[in-house]
Amino acid sequence: MRTMLMACTLAGVVLSGVVSGVALAQAPMGPPPVPGPAGEVQRSYAAQKDNLLKTAEIMPADLYQYKPTPEVRTFARVVNHVTEAQVRGCGAVNGTPPAERMKTPADTADKATIVAGLKASFAECDKAYGSTTDANFTELLSVGPAKRTRAGVLWGNVSHDNEQYSGLSM
């Protein structure tokens, strides 16, 4: 009986391994992660982008002016703050002059307008992160009156987005 039980267990393990292998072989594979510093910042940015867009889209339109206490910014203000910061930082990485960068919607604009602004800021950042390589990761950029590395600007954006997401997700 014990030998039969062990044989059945072994057969089950082998069968589940075969089934898992078949399932994995059929699972769609995305592009392999880019190794190195550029790939790391790109992956972190992509995760924050997904989090922020889902949060902005899931919040009901009538709650965009919500603020938990009088001292705290409205949901719309925080989303617009992300938009402003991304346009400024990613615009600098892309070499877009400040006068040519998109304008952030008013905090009192409707949800659709605010989400469209956020998506436009992500389009600007998609270009900045997409043009980043290990070779240009430490390139010095002009960000206002300061000089910063591309790495500093992009990791700063990821960090800032993460901080703002924590507030929005509450």
Protein backbone atom coordinates (compact mmCIF):
# COMPACT_ATOMS: atom_id res chain seq x y z
CA MET A 1 0.00 0.00 0.00
CA ARG A 2 2.81 2.39 0.94
CA THR A 3 4.66 1.69 -2.33
CA MET A 4 1.47 2.28 -4.29
CA LEU A 5 0.87 5.59 -2.47
CA MET A 6 4.44 6.71 -3.20
CA ALA A 7 4.08 5.74 -6.87
CA CYS A 8 0.82 7.71 -7.16
CA THR A 9 2.40 10.72 -5.44
CA LEU A 10 5.42 10.59 -7.74
CA ALA A 11 3.17 10.30 -10.79
CA GLY A 12 1.18 13.31 -9.57
CA VAL A 13 4.34 15.37 -9.12
CA VAL A 14 5.59 14.43 -12.59
CA LEU A 15 2.20 15.17 -14.14
CA SER A 16 1.90 18.54 -12.40
CA GLY A 17 5.42 19.41 -13.58
CA VAL A 18 4.47 18.54 -17.16
CA VAL A 19 1.23 20.54 -16.93
CA SER A 20 3.06 23.50 -15.39
CA GLY A 21 5.71 23.33 -18.10
CA VAL A 22 3.05 23.34 -20.81
CA ALA A 23 1.24 26.24 -19.15
CA LEU A 24 4.45 28.23 -18.83
CA ALA A 25 5.39 27.51 -22.42
CA GLN A 26 2.06 28.97 -23.54
CA ALA A 27 2.14 32.03 -21.25
CA PRO A 28 2.82 35.21 -23.20
CA MET A 29 6.28 36.51 -22.48
CA GLY A 30 7.05 40.22 -22.42
CA PRO A 31 10.38 41.56 -23.51
CA PRO A 32 13.21 40.46 -21.24
CA PRO A 33 14.12 43.02 -18.60
CA VAL A 34 16.90 45.35 -19.62
CA PRO A 35 19.84 44.72 -17.28
CA GLY A 36 21.75 47.52 -15.60
CA PRO A 37 20.84 50.86 -14.07
CA ALA A 38 18.72 52.07 -16.99
CA GLY A 39 16.60 48.92 -16.90
CA GLU A 40 16.16 49.19 -13.14
CA VAL A 41 14.84 52.75 -13.25
CA GLN A 42 12.61 51.92 -16.24
CA ARG A 43 11.00 48.99 -14.38
CA SER A 44 10.41 51.09 -11.25
CA TYR A 45 8.88 53.89 -13.33
CA ALA A 46 6.56 51.45 -15.13
CA ALA A 47 5.25 50.13 -11.81
CA GLN A 48 4.56 53.62 -10.47
CA LYS A 49 2.93 54.67 -13.74
CA ASP A 50 0.53 51.74 -13.55
CA ASN A 51 -0.29 52.44 -9.88
CA LEU A 52 -0.94 56.14 -10.40
CA LEU A 53 -3.04 55.74 -13.55
CA LYS A 54 -5.22 53.05 -11.96
CA THR A 55 -5.70 55.18 -8.86
CA ALA A 56 -6.66 58.26 -10.89
CA GLU A 57 -9.06 56.27 -13.04
CA ILE A 58 -10.69 54.35 -10.20
CA MET A 59 -11.49 57.43 -8.07
CA PRO A 60 -15.08 58.55 -8.71
CA ALA A 61 -15.33 61.94 -10.40
CA ASP A 62 -17.37 63.41 -7.55
CA LEU A 63 -14.51 62.69 -5.13
CA TYR A 64 -11.76 64.53 -6.99
CA GLN A 65 -12.27 67.48 -4.66
CA TYR A 66 -12.13 65.23 -1.58
CA LYS A 67 -9.59 66.01 1.11
CA PRO A 68 -9.47 64.07 4.37
CA THR A 69 -8.82 67.17 6.52
CA PRO A 70 -8.79 70.90 5.77
CA GLU A 71 -4.98 70.94 5.90
CA VAL A 72 -4.54 68.20 3.27
CA ARG A 73 -4.56 68.73 -0.49
CA THR A 74 -7.51 67.54 -2.56
CA PHE A 75 -7.20 64.35 -4.59
CA ALA A 76 -7.22 66.50 -7.77
CA ARG A 77 -4.39 68.68 -6.41
CA VAL A 78 -2.20 65.64 -5.69
CA VAL A 79 -2.81 64.19 -9.18
CA ASN A 80 -1.99 67.58 -10.71
CA HIS A 81 1.11 67.81 -8.53
CA VAL A 82 2.33 64.52 -10.03
CA THR A 83 1.60 65.93 -13.50
CA GLU A 84 3.55 69.13 -12.78
CA ALA A 85 6.56 67.30 -11.37
CA GLN A 86 6.69 64.83 -14.24
CA VAL A 87 6.41 67.52 -16.89
CA ARG A 88 9.21 69.48 -15.22
CA GLY A 89 11.60 66.54 -14.62
CA CYS A 90 10.95 64.51 -17.76
CA GLY A 91 10.79 67.69 -19.84
CA ALA A 92 14.30 68.52 -18.63
CA VAL A 93 15.52 65.03 -19.54
CA ASN A 94 13.93 65.40 -22.99
CA GLY A 95 15.43 68.86 -23.49
CA THR A 96 12.00 70.48 -23.79
CA PRO A 97 12.29 74.21 -22.98
CA PRO A 98 10.10 75.24 -20.01
CA ALA A 99 7.97 77.55 -22.18
CA GLU A 100 7.09 74.63 -24.47
CA ARG A 101 6.06 72.18 -21.75
CA MET A 102 2.39 71.32 -21.31
CA LYS A 103 0.33 73.23 -18.80
CA THR A 104 -1.29 71.38 -15.91
CA PRO A 105 -5.09 71.50 -15.72
CA ALA A 106 -6.74 73.53 -12.97
CA ASP A 107 -7.33 71.69 -9.71
CA THR A 108 -11.04 72.37 -10.19
CA ALA A 109 -11.14 70.85 -13.68
CA ASP A 110 -13.24 67.74 -14.20
CA LYS A 111 -11.83 64.25 -13.73
CA ALA A 112 -11.46 63.58 -17.47
CA THR A 113 -9.33 66.71 -17.94
CA ILE A 114 -7.13 65.96 -14.94
CA VAL A 115 -6.61 62.32 -16.00
CA ALA A 116 -5.79 63.48 -19.54
CA GLY A 117 -3.15 65.80 -18.09
CA LEU A 118 -1.68 62.95 -16.04
CA LYS A 119 -1.57 60.71 -19.12
CA ALA A 120 0.16 63.48 -21.12
CA SER A 121 2.78 63.81 -18.37
CA PHE A 122 3.36 60.06 -18.54
CA ALA A 123 3.81 60.35 -22.32
CA GLU A 124 6.55 62.91 -21.65
CA CYS A 125 8.14 60.57 -19.13
CA ASP A 126 7.81 57.56 -21.44
CA LYS A 127 10.11 59.43 -23.85
CA ALA A 128 12.57 60.31 -21.08
CA TYR A 129 12.79 56.81 -19.64
CA GLY A 130 12.75 55.21 -23.09
CA SER A 131 15.75 57.25 -24.21
CA THR A 132 17.76 56.33 -21.13
CA THR A 133 20.60 53.87 -21.48
CA ASP A 134 23.42 52.77 -19.23
CA ALA A 135 25.71 54.88 -21.42
CA ASN A 136 23.84 58.16 -20.80
CA PHE A 137 22.63 57.42 -17.26
CA THR A 138 25.14 59.79 -15.63
CA GLU A 139 24.82 62.56 -18.23
CA LEU A 140 24.55 66.03 -16.68
CA LEU A 141 21.36 67.94 -17.49
CA SER A 142 20.20 71.48 -16.82
CA VAL A 143 17.22 71.42 -14.50
CA GLY A 144 16.35 75.04 -13.86
CA PRO A 145 19.48 76.73 -12.53
CA ALA A 146 20.97 73.41 -11.32
CA LYS A 147 22.88 70.61 -13.02
CA ARG A 148 21.67 67.09 -12.23
CA THR A 149 22.39 63.69 -13.65
CA ARG A 150 19.78 61.92 -15.72
CA ALA A 151 19.91 59.18 -13.06
CA GLY A 152 19.12 61.67 -10.30
CA VAL A 153 16.21 63.22 -12.18
CA LEU A 154 14.63 59.91 -13.15
CA TRP A 155 15.11 58.18 -9.78
CA GLY A 156 13.84 61.37 -8.14
CA ASN A 157 10.71 61.13 -10.29
CA VAL A 158 10.15 57.49 -9.31
CA SER A 159 10.59 58.37 -5.64
CA HIS A 160 8.26 61.35 -5.89
CA ASP A 161 5.61 59.34 -7.73
CA ASN A 162 5.83 56.67 -5.03
CA GLU A 163 5.35 59.26 -2.27
CA GLN A 164 2.34 60.78 -4.00
CA TYR A 165 0.83 57.36 -4.71
CA SER A 166 0.93 56.56 -1.02
CA GLY A 167 -1.20 59.61 -0.29
CA LEU A 168 -3.60 58.98 -3.17
CA SER A 169 -4.12 55.35 -2.26
CA MET A 170 -5.38 56.27 1.18
